[in-house]
Amino acid sequence: MSRDIYPQYSNTRINNAGKKVRDGVECLDDLVIIENWRASHNHVLNTWQASLRNRIRSKDVVFAQRLKRRITIFDKLRREPTMALSNMHDVAGCRLIFPNIQKLEDFRRNIHEKNRFKHKLYRDGDDPYNYILNPRASGYRSIHDVYIYKSQHKGGKPWDGLKVEIQYRTSKQHSWATAVEIAGALTGNHSKFGQGSEEQKEFFRLSSELIARAHEGLHSCYPDLSNANLISDLKELDGQLRLLRYLETLQIISVKVPKKRKALILMSRQQEGKFKITIRSFDSMPQATRVYFELEKTILESDDLVLVRSDTNEGIKNAFKNYFSDAGDFVRLVRSGVEILS
């Protein structure tokens, strides 16, 4: 499978295939269309990862990239019944994790002001995906920029119109998001998608507000809640759920990241309350993508699988902490946040 796979089908056919998946009546031809469309995003992803890596001047900025899993695409189609598949803008994604808000804002401003590419920044409003300025009701905080690919060369024209999502978040926002994913995998309550226990969803809404307020001088989804009530409500919920203790004592599996890592496939499987991590390394992204697509056909639905690329071992572990069962930062931020606001 080459990085240069290009979209072979019109948006109409792609959207029709997506609609059939949403309705549960897809056939083999529909899956072929979707797989071709998804694989073609590798070219866009490679263009952006090269550009972003060149612009990262600080070693304390973590970078990673990933291609969205097929099952995750299908889940999103079913959760958002009015969305056309060709408009899904996070199939190709790059993530940058910054030590603080100031560095995040400076980097993003530089990208916007000095962007020499012809790629179009997609906007539907002033800053529609700024979830730091306007946190989601779930407590999720991050900023997403969506770009529509436009090649500067004739050979790149087949990919024009595909989208890539650039995700910016601070290390504290990342710790919260990691804990949400780990808790969701362990309990089956995926509050990330608004699913499952209302108590667990409320716990993460409150903890998001606590971390934003205590550690970043900002607010999340409960800006009007007093410090006293915030702490009281959080302690009461944690007393019921025991999530902090659960996450604190979760066994962290020591995994050695291979040194040869043009591309990596990380697979996480839960066994008896623990996560088993399998890592495979590849000499090229096309080779890794081919294996990644084959694995998706055979793994358990409860398994988690991601195709990634990052500069350093620590970068991989930091960007994908949920695959290494590491919620320690989140627990420390919540505990110290309670002390700060008390």
C-alpha atoms as a PDB file:
ATOM      1  CA  MET A   1       0.000   0.000   0.000  1.00  0.00           C
ATOM      2  CA  SER A   2       1.557   3.272  -1.075  1.00  0.00           C
ATOM      3  CA  ARG A   3       1.377   6.590   0.636  1.00  0.00           C
ATOM      4  CA  ASP A   4       0.257   7.867  -2.756  1.00  0.00           C
ATOM      5  CA  ILE A   5      -3.096   6.109  -2.788  1.00  0.00           C
ATOM      6  CA  TYR A   6      -5.576   8.691  -4.056  1.00  0.00           C
ATOM      7  CA  PRO A   7      -9.373   8.941  -3.820  1.00  0.00           C
ATOM      8  CA  GLN A   8     -10.920   6.958  -6.651  1.00  0.00           C
ATOM      9  CA  TYR A   9     -14.556   7.764  -5.948  1.00  0.00           C
ATOM     10  CA  SER A  10     -16.718  10.873  -6.006  1.00  0.00           C
ATOM     11  CA  ASN A  11     -18.013  12.504  -2.830  1.00  0.00           C
ATOM     12  CA  THR A  12     -21.488  11.341  -3.792  1.00  0.00           C
ATOM     13  CA  ARG A  13     -20.391   7.682  -3.772  1.00  0.00           C
ATOM     14  CA  ILE A  14     -18.420   8.184  -0.548  1.00  0.00           C
ATOM     15  CA  ASN A  15     -21.437   9.776   1.151  1.00  0.00           C
ATOM     16  CA  ASN A  16     -23.764   7.038  -0.086  1.00  0.00           C
ATOM     17  CA  ALA A  17     -21.412   4.394   1.294  1.00  0.00           C
ATOM     18  CA  GLY A  18     -21.345   6.229   4.630  1.00  0.00           C
ATOM     19  CA  LYS A  19     -25.141   6.412   4.706  1.00  0.00           C
ATOM     20  CA  LYS A  20     -25.393   2.662   4.155  1.00  0.00           C
ATOM     21  CA  VAL A  21     -22.992   2.031   7.043  1.00  0.00           C
ATOM     22  CA  ARG A  22     -25.109   4.306   9.246  1.00  0.00           C
ATOM     23  CA  ASP A  23     -28.230   2.375   8.239  1.00  0.00           C
ATOM     24  CA  GLY A  24     -26.534  -1.004   8.698  1.00  0.00           C
ATOM     25  CA  VAL A  25     -27.054  -2.099   5.073  1.00  0.00           C
ATOM     26  CA  GLU A  26     -23.528  -1.678   3.689  1.00  0.00           C
ATOM     27  CA  CYS A  27     -22.112  -4.146   1.177  1.00  0.00           C
ATOM     28  CA  LEU A  28     -18.550  -5.043   0.189  1.00  0.00           C
ATOM     29  CA  ASP A  29     -18.440  -2.296  -2.464  1.00  0.00           C
ATOM     30  CA  ASP A  30     -19.299   0.317   0.163  1.00  0.00           C
ATOM     31  CA  LEU A  31     -16.459  -0.871   2.404  1.00  0.00           C
ATOM     32  CA  VAL A  32     -14.009  -0.760  -0.518  1.00  0.00           C
ATOM     33  CA  ILE A  33     -15.017   2.836  -1.261  1.00  0.00           C
ATOM     34  CA  ILE A  34     -14.588   3.880   2.373  1.00  0.00           C
ATOM     35  CA  GLU A  35     -11.239   2.099   2.744  1.00  0.00           C
ATOM     36  CA  ASN A  36      -9.878   3.800  -0.367  1.00  0.00           C
ATOM     37  CA  TRP A  37     -11.060   7.195   0.877  1.00  0.00           C
ATOM     38  CA  ARG A  38      -9.558   6.622   4.332  1.00  0.00           C
ATOM     39  CA  ALA A  39      -6.218   5.325   2.980  1.00  0.00           C
ATOM     40  CA  SER A  40      -5.907   8.313   0.656  1.00  0.00           C
ATOM     41  CA  HIS A  41      -5.625  10.574   3.731  1.00  0.00           C
ATOM     42  CA  ASN A  42      -2.123   9.206   4.328  1.00  0.00           C
ATOM     43  CA  HIS A  43      -0.779  11.558   1.650  1.00  0.00           C
ATOM     44  CA  VAL A  44      -2.361  14.569   3.358  1.00  0.00           C
ATOM     45  CA  LEU A  45      -1.146  13.407   6.761  1.00  0.00           C
ATOM     46  CA  ASN A  46       2.418  13.029   5.534  1.00  0.00           C
ATOM     47  CA  THR A  47       2.426  16.564   4.089  1.00  0.00           C
ATOM     48  CA  TRP A  48       1.267  18.120   7.339  1.00  0.00           C
ATOM     49  CA  GLN A  49       3.417  16.105   9.713  1.00  0.00           C
ATOM     50  CA  ALA A  50       6.541  17.169   7.818  1.00  0.00           C
ATOM     51  CA  SER A  51       5.538  20.825   7.992  1.00  0.00           C
ATOM     52  CA  LEU A  52       4.640  20.756  11.687  1.00  0.00           C
ATOM     53  CA  ARG A  53       7.812  18.915  12.697  1.00  0.00           C
ATOM     54  CA  ASN A  54       9.888  21.573  10.945  1.00  0.00           C
ATOM     55  CA  ARG A  55       8.144  24.302  12.921  1.00  0.00           C
ATOM     56  CA  ILE A  56       8.543  22.751  16.359  1.00  0.00           C
ATOM     57  CA  ARG A  57      11.482  24.540  17.905  1.00  0.00           C
ATOM     58  CA  SER A  58      11.050  23.415  21.503  1.00  0.00           C
ATOM     59  CA  LYS A  59      11.759  19.941  22.815  1.00  0.00           C
ATOM     60  CA  ASP A  60       8.959  20.260  25.335  1.00  0.00           C
ATOM     61  CA  VAL A  61       6.325  20.141  22.585  1.00  0.00           C
ATOM     62  CA  VAL A  62       5.090  16.599  21.936  1.00  0.00           C
ATOM     63  CA  PHE A  63       4.011  15.696  18.418  1.00  0.00           C
ATOM     64  CA  ALA A  64       2.144  12.649  17.132  1.00  0.00           C
ATOM     65  CA  GLN A  65      -0.040  11.737  14.181  1.00  0.00           C
ATOM     66  CA  ARG A  66      -2.690   9.129  13.588  1.00  0.00           C
ATOM     67  CA  LEU A  67      -5.153   7.815  11.018  1.00  0.00           C
ATOM     68  CA  LYS A  68      -8.690   7.278  12.329  1.00  0.00           C
ATOM     69  CA  ARG A  69      -9.761   3.665  12.753  1.00  0.00           C
ATOM     70  CA  ARG A  70     -12.521   2.285  10.565  1.00  0.00           C
ATOM     71  CA  ILE A  71     -14.663   1.296  13.570  1.00  0.00           C
ATOM     72  CA  THR A  72     -14.285   4.807  15.001  1.00  0.00           C
ATOM     73  CA  ILE A  73     -15.392   6.311  11.698  1.00  0.00           C
ATOM     74  CA  PHE A  74     -18.447   4.048  11.703  1.00  0.00           C
ATOM     75  CA  ASP A  75     -19.270   4.946  15.325  1.00  0.00           C
ATOM     76  CA  LYS A  76     -19.070   8.645  14.501  1.00  0.00           C
ATOM     77  CA  LEU A  77     -21.376   8.215  11.510  1.00  0.00           C
ATOM     78  CA  ARG A  78     -23.979   6.650  13.786  1.00  0.00           C
ATOM     79  CA  ARG A  79     -23.576   9.288  16.506  1.00  0.00           C
ATOM     80  CA  GLU A  80     -23.942  12.143  14.030  1.00  0.00           C
ATOM     81  CA  PRO A  81     -26.795  11.141  11.712  1.00  0.00           C
ATOM     82  CA  THR A  82     -26.769  14.320   9.602  1.00  0.00           C
ATOM     83  CA  MET A  83     -23.053  14.330   8.790  1.00  0.00           C
ATOM     84  CA  ALA A  84     -21.952  13.353   5.290  1.00  0.00           C
ATOM     85  CA  LEU A  85     -18.926  11.039   5.372  1.00  0.00           C
ATOM     86  CA  SER A  86     -16.915  13.211   2.954  1.00  0.00           C
ATOM     87  CA  ASN A  87     -17.234  16.083   5.477  1.00  0.00           C
ATOM     88  CA  MET A  88     -15.679  14.118   8.347  1.00  0.00           C
ATOM     89  CA  HIS A  89     -12.631  16.223   9.020  1.00  0.00           C
ATOM     90  CA  ASP A  90     -10.634  14.216  11.564  1.00  0.00           C
ATOM     91  CA  VAL A  91      -9.775  11.076   9.598  1.00  0.00           C
ATOM     92  CA  ALA A  92      -6.196  12.361   9.355  1.00  0.00           C
ATOM     93  CA  GLY A  93      -5.016  13.979  12.574  1.00  0.00           C
ATOM     94  CA  CYS A  94      -1.902  15.586  14.037  1.00  0.00           C
ATOM     95  CA  ARG A  95      -1.668  16.304  17.759  1.00  0.00           C
ATOM     96  CA  LEU A  96       0.634  18.803  19.469  1.00  0.00           C
ATOM     97  CA  ILE A  97       0.892  18.902  23.266  1.00  0.00           C
ATOM     98  CA  PHE A  98       2.326  22.043  24.861  1.00  0.00           C
ATOM     99  CA  PRO A  99       3.574  22.656  28.418  1.00  0.00           C
ATOM    100  CA  ASN A 100       1.307  25.690  28.842  1.00  0.00           C
ATOM    101  CA  ILE A 101      -1.327  27.876  27.211  1.00  0.00           C
ATOM    102  CA  GLN A 102       1.098  30.628  26.201  1.00  0.00           C
ATOM    103  CA  LYS A 103       3.286  28.323  24.135  1.00  0.00           C
ATOM    104  CA  LEU A 104       0.219  26.797  22.530  1.00  0.00           C
ATOM    105  CA  GLU A 105      -1.194  30.170  21.522  1.00  0.00           C
ATOM    106  CA  ASP A 106       2.170  31.452  20.252  1.00  0.00           C
ATOM    107  CA  PHE A 107       2.707  28.381  18.082  1.00  0.00           C
ATOM    108  CA  ARG A 108      -0.800  28.437  16.660  1.00  0.00           C
ATOM    109  CA  ARG A 109      -0.593  32.162  15.934  1.00  0.00           C
ATOM    110  CA  ASN A 110       2.675  31.585  14.087  1.00  0.00           C
ATOM    111  CA  ILE A 111       1.091  28.845  11.994  1.00  0.00           C
ATOM    112  CA  HIS A 112      -1.805  31.113  11.046  1.00  0.00           C
ATOM    113  CA  GLU A 113       0.308  34.182  10.287  1.00  0.00           C
ATOM    114  CA  LYS A 114       3.185  32.500   8.467  1.00  0.00           C
ATOM    115  CA  ASN A 115       1.419  29.681   6.691  1.00  0.00           C
ATOM    116  CA  ARG A 116       2.957  29.585   3.217  1.00  0.00           C
ATOM    117  CA  PHE A 117       0.773  26.727   2.094  1.00  0.00           C
ATOM    118  CA  LYS A 118      -2.255  27.070  -0.091  1.00  0.00           C
ATOM    119  CA  HIS A 119      -4.222  24.769   2.175  1.00  0.00           C
ATOM    120  CA  LYS A 120      -7.395  26.485   3.292  1.00  0.00           C
ATOM    121  CA  LEU A 121      -8.200  26.863   6.977  1.00  0.00           C
ATOM    122  CA  TYR A 122     -11.766  25.645   7.302  1.00  0.00           C
ATOM    123  CA  ARG A 123     -13.946  27.900   9.411  1.00  0.00           C
ATOM    124  CA  ASP A 124     -17.636  27.996  10.177  1.00  0.00           C
ATOM    125  CA  GLY A 125     -17.601  31.020  12.442  1.00  0.00           C
ATOM    126  CA  ASP A 126     -14.790  32.976  14.101  1.00  0.00           C
ATOM    127  CA  ASP A 127     -13.044  30.070  15.836  1.00  0.00           C
ATOM    128  CA  PRO A 128     -15.513  27.176  15.798  1.00  0.00           C
ATOM    129  CA  TYR A 129     -13.282  24.456  17.237  1.00  0.00           C
ATOM    130  CA  ASN A 130     -11.682  26.418  20.054  1.00  0.00           C
ATOM    131  CA  TYR A 131     -12.718  24.246  22.987  1.00  0.00           C
ATOM    132  CA  ILE A 132     -10.391  26.099  25.351  1.00  0.00           C
ATOM    133  CA  LEU A 133     -12.229  29.374  24.812  1.00  0.00           C
ATOM    134  CA  ASN A 134     -15.543  27.514  24.646  1.00  0.00           C
ATOM    135  CA  PRO A 135     -15.169  24.170  26.459  1.00  0.00           C
ATOM    136  CA  ARG A 136     -17.520  21.382  25.507  1.00  0.00           C
ATOM    137  CA  ALA A 137     -20.276  20.433  27.942  1.00  0.00           C
ATOM    138  CA  SER A 138     -18.334  17.221  28.664  1.00  0.00           C
ATOM    139  CA  GLY A 139     -15.364  19.195  29.984  1.00  0.00           C
ATOM    140  CA  TYR A 140     -13.243  18.520  26.915  1.00  0.00           C
ATOM    141  CA  ARG A 141     -10.727  21.319  26.264  1.00  0.00           C
ATOM    142  CA  SER A 142      -8.478  21.606  23.250  1.00  0.00           C
ATOM    143  CA  ILE A 143      -8.268  23.548  19.988  1.00  0.00           C
ATOM    144  CA  HIS A 144      -8.790  21.976  16.591  1.00  0.00           C
ATOM    145  CA  ASP A 145      -7.822  23.583  13.306  1.00  0.00           C
ATOM    146  CA  VAL A 146      -9.178  21.929  10.179  1.00  0.00           C
ATOM    147  CA  TYR A 147      -7.395  22.432   6.878  1.00  0.00           C
ATOM    148  CA  ILE A 148      -8.644  21.593   3.415  1.00  0.00           C
ATOM    149  CA  TYR A 149      -5.800  20.194   1.365  1.00  0.00           C
ATOM    150  CA  LYS A 150      -4.766  22.057  -1.746  1.00  0.00           C
ATOM    151  CA  SER A 151      -1.631  20.935  -3.551  1.00  0.00           C
ATOM    152  CA  GLN A 152       0.922  23.345  -4.971  1.00  0.00           C
ATOM    153  CA  HIS A 153       1.913  20.768  -7.569  1.00  0.00           C
ATOM    154  CA  LYS A 154       0.025  19.113 -10.385  1.00  0.00           C
ATOM    155  CA  GLY A 155       0.877  15.664  -9.061  1.00  0.00           C
ATOM    156  CA  GLY A 156      -0.911  16.379  -5.808  1.00  0.00           C
ATOM    157  CA  LYS A 157      -4.228  17.462  -7.302  1.00  0.00           C
ATOM    158  CA  PRO A 158      -6.026  14.121  -6.722  1.00  0.00           C
ATOM    159  CA  TRP A 159      -5.935  14.818  -2.965  1.00  0.00           C
ATOM    160  CA  ASP A 160      -7.321  18.346  -3.172  1.00  0.00           C
ATOM    161  CA  GLY A 161     -10.326  18.745  -0.885  1.00  0.00           C
ATOM    162  CA  LEU A 162      -9.349  16.137   1.695  1.00  0.00           C
ATOM    163  CA  LYS A 163      -9.143  17.434   5.258  1.00  0.00           C
ATOM    164  CA  VAL A 164      -6.710  17.155   8.143  1.00  0.00           C
ATOM    165  CA  GLU A 165      -7.331  18.095  11.759  1.00  0.00           C
ATOM    166  CA  ILE A 166      -4.539  19.765  13.732  1.00  0.00           C
ATOM    167  CA  GLN A 167      -5.180  19.377  17.450  1.00  0.00           C
ATOM    168  CA  TYR A 168      -3.540  21.633  20.033  1.00  0.00           C
ATOM    169  CA  ARG A 169      -3.769  20.942  23.762  1.00  0.00           C
ATOM    170  CA  THR A 170      -1.751  21.578  26.906  1.00  0.00           C
ATOM    171  CA  SER A 171      -0.225  18.765  28.949  1.00  0.00           C
ATOM    172  CA  LYS A 172      -2.886  19.318  31.622  1.00  0.00           C
ATOM    173  CA  GLN A 173      -5.729  19.113  29.109  1.00  0.00           C
ATOM    174  CA  HIS A 174      -4.097  16.006  27.698  1.00  0.00           C
ATOM    175  CA  SER A 175      -3.896  14.362  31.120  1.00  0.00           C
ATOM    176  CA  TRP A 176      -7.645  14.885  31.581  1.00  0.00           C
ATOM    177  CA  ALA A 177      -8.464  13.484  28.120  1.00  0.00           C
ATOM    178  CA  THR A 178      -6.211  10.478  28.766  1.00  0.00           C
ATOM    179  CA  ALA A 179      -7.980   9.705  32.042  1.00  0.00           C
ATOM    180  CA  VAL A 180     -11.367   9.894  30.316  1.00  0.00           C
ATOM    181  CA  GLU A 181     -10.270   7.311  27.744  1.00  0.00           C
ATOM    182  CA  ILE A 182      -8.698   4.976  30.294  1.00  0.00           C
ATOM    183  CA  ALA A 183     -11.751   5.121  32.567  1.00  0.00           C
ATOM    184  CA  GLY A 184     -13.997   4.530  29.564  1.00  0.00           C
ATOM    185  CA  ALA A 185     -12.023   1.453  28.524  1.00  0.00           C
ATOM    186  CA  LEU A 186     -12.044   0.040  32.052  1.00  0.00           C
ATOM    187  CA  THR A 187     -15.658   0.724  32.986  1.00  0.00           C
ATOM    188  CA  GLY A 188     -17.377   0.723  29.592  1.00  0.00           C
ATOM    189  CA  ASN A 189     -18.736   4.203  30.353  1.00  0.00           C
ATOM    190  CA  HIS A 190     -17.416   6.218  27.424  1.00  0.00           C
ATOM    191  CA  SER A 191     -18.087   9.737  28.645  1.00  0.00           C
ATOM    192  CA  LYS A 192     -15.895  10.970  25.794  1.00  0.00           C
ATOM    193  CA  PHE A 193     -18.862  10.203  23.545  1.00  0.00           C
ATOM    194  CA  GLY A 194     -21.529  11.133  26.077  1.00  0.00           C
ATOM    195  CA  GLN A 195     -22.237   7.472  26.798  1.00  0.00           C
ATOM    196  CA  GLY A 196     -22.597   5.523  30.017  1.00  0.00           C
ATOM    197  CA  SER A 197     -22.852   6.466  33.676  1.00  0.00           C
ATOM    198  CA  GLU A 198     -24.087   9.980  34.390  1.00  0.00           C
ATOM    199  CA  GLU A 199     -22.037   9.947  37.604  1.00  0.00           C
ATOM    200  CA  GLN A 200     -18.828   9.244  35.717  1.00  0.00           C
ATOM    201  CA  LYS A 201     -19.596  11.942  33.154  1.00  0.00           C
ATOM    202  CA  GLU A 202     -20.228  14.419  35.978  1.00  0.00           C
ATOM    203  CA  PHE A 203     -16.993  13.406  37.708  1.00  0.00           C
ATOM    204  CA  PHE A 204     -15.000  14.310  34.600  1.00  0.00           C
ATOM    205  CA  ARG A 205     -16.905  17.563  34.058  1.00  0.00           C
ATOM    206  CA  LEU A 206     -16.066  18.629  37.607  1.00  0.00           C
ATOM    207  CA  SER A 207     -12.443  17.495  37.358  1.00  0.00           C
ATOM    208  CA  SER A 208     -12.034  19.423  34.103  1.00  0.00           C
ATOM    209  CA  GLU A 209     -13.240  22.607  35.803  1.00  0.00           C
ATOM    210  CA  LEU A 210     -10.964  21.947  38.772  1.00  0.00           C
ATOM    211  CA  ILE A 211      -7.849  21.443  36.612  1.00  0.00           C
ATOM    212  CA  ALA A 212      -8.604  24.455  34.402  1.00  0.00           C
ATOM    213  CA  ARG A 213      -9.236  26.709  37.380  1.00  0.00           C
ATOM    214  CA  ALA A 214      -6.435  25.549  39.693  1.00  0.00           C
ATOM    215  CA  HIS A 215      -3.644  24.941  37.211  1.00  0.00           C
ATOM    216  CA  GLU A 216      -4.287  27.168  34.204  1.00  0.00           C
ATOM    217  CA  GLY A 217      -6.221  30.151  35.557  1.00  0.00           C
ATOM    218  CA  LEU A 218      -9.079  29.311  33.176  1.00  0.00           C
ATOM    219  CA  HIS A 219     -12.545  27.801  33.305  1.00  0.00           C
ATOM    220  CA  SER A 220     -14.143  24.741  31.784  1.00  0.00           C
ATOM    221  CA  CYS A 221     -17.804  23.738  31.669  1.00  0.00           C
ATOM    222  CA  TYR A 222     -18.787  24.967  35.180  1.00  0.00           C
ATOM    223  CA  PRO A 223     -17.494  28.556  35.325  1.00  0.00           C
ATOM    224  CA  ASP A 224     -20.185  29.717  37.781  1.00  0.00           C
ATOM    225  CA  LEU A 225     -19.663  26.984  40.364  1.00  0.00           C
ATOM    226  CA  SER A 226     -17.977  28.197  43.540  1.00  0.00           C
ATOM    227  CA  ASN A 227     -14.675  26.643  44.590  1.00  0.00           C
ATOM    228  CA  ALA A 228     -16.303  25.201  47.697  1.00  0.00           C
ATOM    229  CA  ASN A 229     -19.148  23.561  45.778  1.00  0.00           C
ATOM    230  CA  LEU A 230     -16.801  22.341  43.061  1.00  0.00           C
ATOM    231  CA  ILE A 231     -14.589  20.568  45.580  1.00  0.00           C
ATOM    232  CA  SER A 232     -17.519  19.266  47.624  1.00  0.00           C
ATOM    233  CA  ASP A 233     -19.333  17.844  44.577  1.00  0.00           C
ATOM    234  CA  LEU A 234     -16.152  16.257  43.222  1.00  0.00           C
ATOM    235  CA  LYS A 235     -15.281  14.614  46.544  1.00  0.00           C
ATOM    236  CA  GLU A 236     -18.813  13.286  46.920  1.00  0.00           C
ATOM    237  CA  LEU A 237     -18.773  11.712  43.461  1.00  0.00           C
ATOM    238  CA  ASP A 238     -15.325  10.255  43.922  1.00  0.00           C
ATOM    239  CA  GLY A 239     -16.515   8.762  47.179  1.00  0.00           C
ATOM    240  CA  GLN A 240     -19.152   6.888  45.188  1.00  0.00           C
ATOM    241  CA  LEU A 241     -17.057   5.957  42.161  1.00  0.00           C
ATOM    242  CA  ARG A 242     -13.583   5.618  43.714  1.00  0.00           C
ATOM    243  CA  LEU A 243     -12.197   6.606  40.330  1.00  0.00           C
ATOM    244  CA  LEU A 244      -9.156   8.496  41.587  1.00  0.00           C
ATOM    245  CA  ARG A 245      -8.013   5.524  43.631  1.00  0.00           C
ATOM    246  CA  TYR A 246      -8.782   3.166  40.770  1.00  0.00           C
ATOM    247  CA  LEU A 247      -6.752   5.210  38.297  1.00  0.00           C
ATOM    248  CA  GLU A 248      -3.971   5.749  40.830  1.00  0.00           C
ATOM    249  CA  THR A 249      -3.448   2.039  41.458  1.00  0.00           C
ATOM    250  CA  LEU A 250      -3.915   0.954  37.851  1.00  0.00           C
ATOM    251  CA  GLN A 251      -0.952  -1.149  36.859  1.00  0.00           C
ATOM    252  CA  ILE A 252       1.264   0.594  34.335  1.00  0.00           C
ATOM    253  CA  ILE A 253       2.708  -1.932  31.929  1.00  0.00           C
ATOM    254  CA  SER A 254       6.329  -1.260  31.039  1.00  0.00           C
ATOM    255  CA  VAL A 255       6.677  -1.395  27.282  1.00  0.00           C
ATOM    256  CA  LYS A 256       9.853  -0.806  25.354  1.00  0.00           C
ATOM    257  CA  VAL A 257       9.299   1.325  22.268  1.00  0.00           C
ATOM    258  CA  PRO A 258      11.452   0.042  19.365  1.00  0.00           C
ATOM    259  CA  LYS A 259      14.267   2.334  18.233  1.00  0.00           C
ATOM    260  CA  LYS A 260      13.487   1.767  14.557  1.00  0.00           C
ATOM    261  CA  ARG A 261      10.195   3.570  14.303  1.00  0.00           C
ATOM    262  CA  LYS A 262       9.383   5.151  10.970  1.00  0.00           C
ATOM    263  CA  ALA A 263       5.904   4.059  12.019  1.00  0.00           C
ATOM    264  CA  LEU A 264       4.394   2.116  14.908  1.00  0.00           C
ATOM    265  CA  ILE A 265       1.208   0.192  15.507  1.00  0.00           C
ATOM    266  CA  LEU A 266       0.068   0.192  19.134  1.00  0.00           C
ATOM    267  CA  MET A 267      -2.559  -2.330  20.209  1.00  0.00           C
ATOM    268  CA  SER A 268      -4.111  -2.364  23.662  1.00  0.00           C
ATOM    269  CA  ARG A 269      -6.112  -5.305  24.988  1.00  0.00           C
ATOM    270  CA  GLN A 270      -7.742  -5.385  28.409  1.00  0.00           C
ATOM    271  CA  GLN A 271      -7.206  -8.595  30.348  1.00  0.00           C
ATOM    272  CA  GLU A 272      -8.409  -9.072  33.932  1.00  0.00           C
ATOM    273  CA  GLY A 273      -8.419  -5.353  34.692  1.00  0.00           C
ATOM    274  CA  LYS A 274      -4.991  -4.771  33.175  1.00  0.00           C
ATOM    275  CA  PHE A 275      -3.920  -3.511  29.781  1.00  0.00           C
ATOM    276  CA  LYS A 276      -1.619  -5.548  27.591  1.00  0.00           C
ATOM    277  CA  ILE A 277       0.234  -3.412  25.062  1.00  0.00           C
ATOM    278  CA  THR A 278       1.654  -4.774  21.831  1.00  0.00           C
ATOM    279  CA  ILE A 279       3.921  -2.580  19.715  1.00  0.00           C
ATOM    280  CA  ARG A 280       5.050  -3.323  16.168  1.00  0.00           C
ATOM    281  CA  SER A 281       7.542  -1.122  14.339  1.00  0.00           C
ATOM    282  CA  PHE A 282       7.938  -0.626  10.597  1.00  0.00           C
ATOM    283  CA  ASP A 283      10.511   0.819   8.235  1.00  0.00           C
ATOM    284  CA  SER A 284       7.908   2.817   6.321  1.00  0.00           C
ATOM    285  CA  MET A 285       4.472   4.314   6.814  1.00  0.00           C
ATOM    286  CA  PRO A 286       3.004   2.534   3.737  1.00  0.00           C
ATOM    287  CA  GLN A 287       4.105  -0.836   5.126  1.00  0.00           C
ATOM    288  CA  ALA A 288       2.636  -0.019   8.534  1.00  0.00           C
ATOM    289  CA  THR A 289      -0.617   1.161   6.973  1.00  0.00           C
ATOM    290  CA  ARG A 290      -1.048  -2.107   5.092  1.00  0.00           C
ATOM    291  CA  VAL A 291      -0.621  -4.159   8.273  1.00  0.00           C
ATOM    292  CA  TYR A 292      -2.826  -1.735  10.226  1.00  0.00           C
ATOM    293  CA  PHE A 293      -5.710  -2.210   7.793  1.00  0.00           C
ATOM    294  CA  GLU A 294      -5.327  -5.998   7.950  1.00  0.00           C
ATOM    295  CA  LEU A 295      -5.277  -6.035  11.768  1.00  0.00           C
ATOM    296  CA  GLU A 296      -8.503  -4.032  11.896  1.00  0.00           C
ATOM    297  CA  LYS A 297     -10.275  -6.941  10.221  1.00  0.00           C
ATOM    298  CA  THR A 298      -9.224  -9.481  12.843  1.00  0.00           C
ATOM    299  CA  ILE A 299      -8.946  -7.795  16.267  1.00  0.00           C
ATOM    300  CA  LEU A 300     -11.632  -7.866  18.938  1.00  0.00           C
ATOM    301  CA  GLU A 301     -14.092  -4.982  18.994  1.00  0.00           C
ATOM    302  CA  SER A 302     -12.945  -4.151  22.530  1.00  0.00           C
ATOM    303  CA  ASP A 303      -9.283  -3.890  21.440  1.00  0.00           C
ATOM    304  CA  ASP A 304      -7.803  -0.500  20.734  1.00  0.00           C
ATOM    305  CA  LEU A 305      -5.498   0.004  17.785  1.00  0.00           C
ATOM    306  CA  VAL A 306      -3.645   3.050  16.529  1.00  0.00           C
ATOM    307  CA  LEU A 307      -1.104   3.769  13.794  1.00  0.00           C
ATOM    308  CA  VAL A 308       1.282   6.465  14.992  1.00  0.00           C
ATOM    309  CA  ARG A 309       4.436   8.311  14.228  1.00  0.00           C
ATOM    310  CA  SER A 310       6.431  10.459  16.640  1.00  0.00           C
ATOM    311  CA  ASP A 311       9.983  11.730  16.988  1.00  0.00           C
ATOM    312  CA  THR A 312      10.903  10.174  20.340  1.00  0.00           C
ATOM    313  CA  ASN A 313       9.987   7.297  22.632  1.00  0.00           C
ATOM    314  CA  GLU A 314       8.801   9.747  25.270  1.00  0.00           C
ATOM    315  CA  GLY A 315       6.803  11.595  22.632  1.00  0.00           C
ATOM    316  CA  ILE A 316       4.936   8.413  21.776  1.00  0.00           C
ATOM    317  CA  LYS A 317       4.295   7.565  25.418  1.00  0.00           C
ATOM    318  CA  ASN A 318       3.183  11.100  26.264  1.00  0.00           C
ATOM    319  CA  ALA A 319       0.919  11.516  23.237  1.00  0.00           C
ATOM    320  CA  PHE A 320      -0.757   8.133  23.703  1.00  0.00           C
ATOM    321  CA  LYS A 321      -0.780   7.711  27.478  1.00  0.00           C
ATOM    322  CA  ASN A 322      -4.086   5.870  27.305  1.00  0.00           C
ATOM    323  CA  TYR A 323      -2.250   3.014  25.558  1.00  0.00           C
ATOM    324  CA  PHE A 324       0.190   2.810  28.454  1.00  0.00           C
ATOM    325  CA  SER A 325      -2.484   2.986  31.185  1.00  0.00           C
ATOM    326  CA  ASP A 326      -0.949   6.137  32.628  1.00  0.00           C
ATOM    327  CA  ALA A 327      -3.450   8.344  34.441  1.00  0.00           C
ATOM    328  CA  GLY A 328      -0.969   9.353  37.131  1.00  0.00           C
ATOM    329  CA  ASP A 329      -0.679  12.957  35.943  1.00  0.00           C
ATOM    330  CA  PHE A 330      -4.450  13.367  36.062  1.00  0.00           C
ATOM    331  CA  VAL A 331      -4.686  12.041  39.616  1.00  0.00           C
ATOM    332  CA  ARG A 332      -1.892  14.366  40.784  1.00  0.00           C
ATOM    333  CA  LEU A 333      -3.519  17.366  39.093  1.00  0.00           C
ATOM    334  CA  VAL A 334      -6.865  16.686  40.758  1.00  0.00           C
ATOM    335  CA  ARG A 335      -5.413  16.105  44.213  1.00  0.00           C
ATOM    336  CA  SER A 336      -3.185  19.187  44.084  1.00  0.00           C
ATOM    337  CA  GLY A 337      -6.011  21.205  42.504  1.00  0.00           C
ATOM    338  CA  VAL A 338      -8.226  20.491  45.506  1.00  0.00           C
ATOM    339  CA  GLU A 339      -5.492  21.789  47.805  1.00  0.00           C
ATOM    340  CA  ILE A 340      -4.955  24.929  45.697  1.00  0.00           C
ATOM    341  CA  LEU A 341      -8.650  25.867  45.628  1.00  0.00           C
ATOM    342  CA  SER A 342      -9.431  24.920  49.238  1.00  0.00           C
END
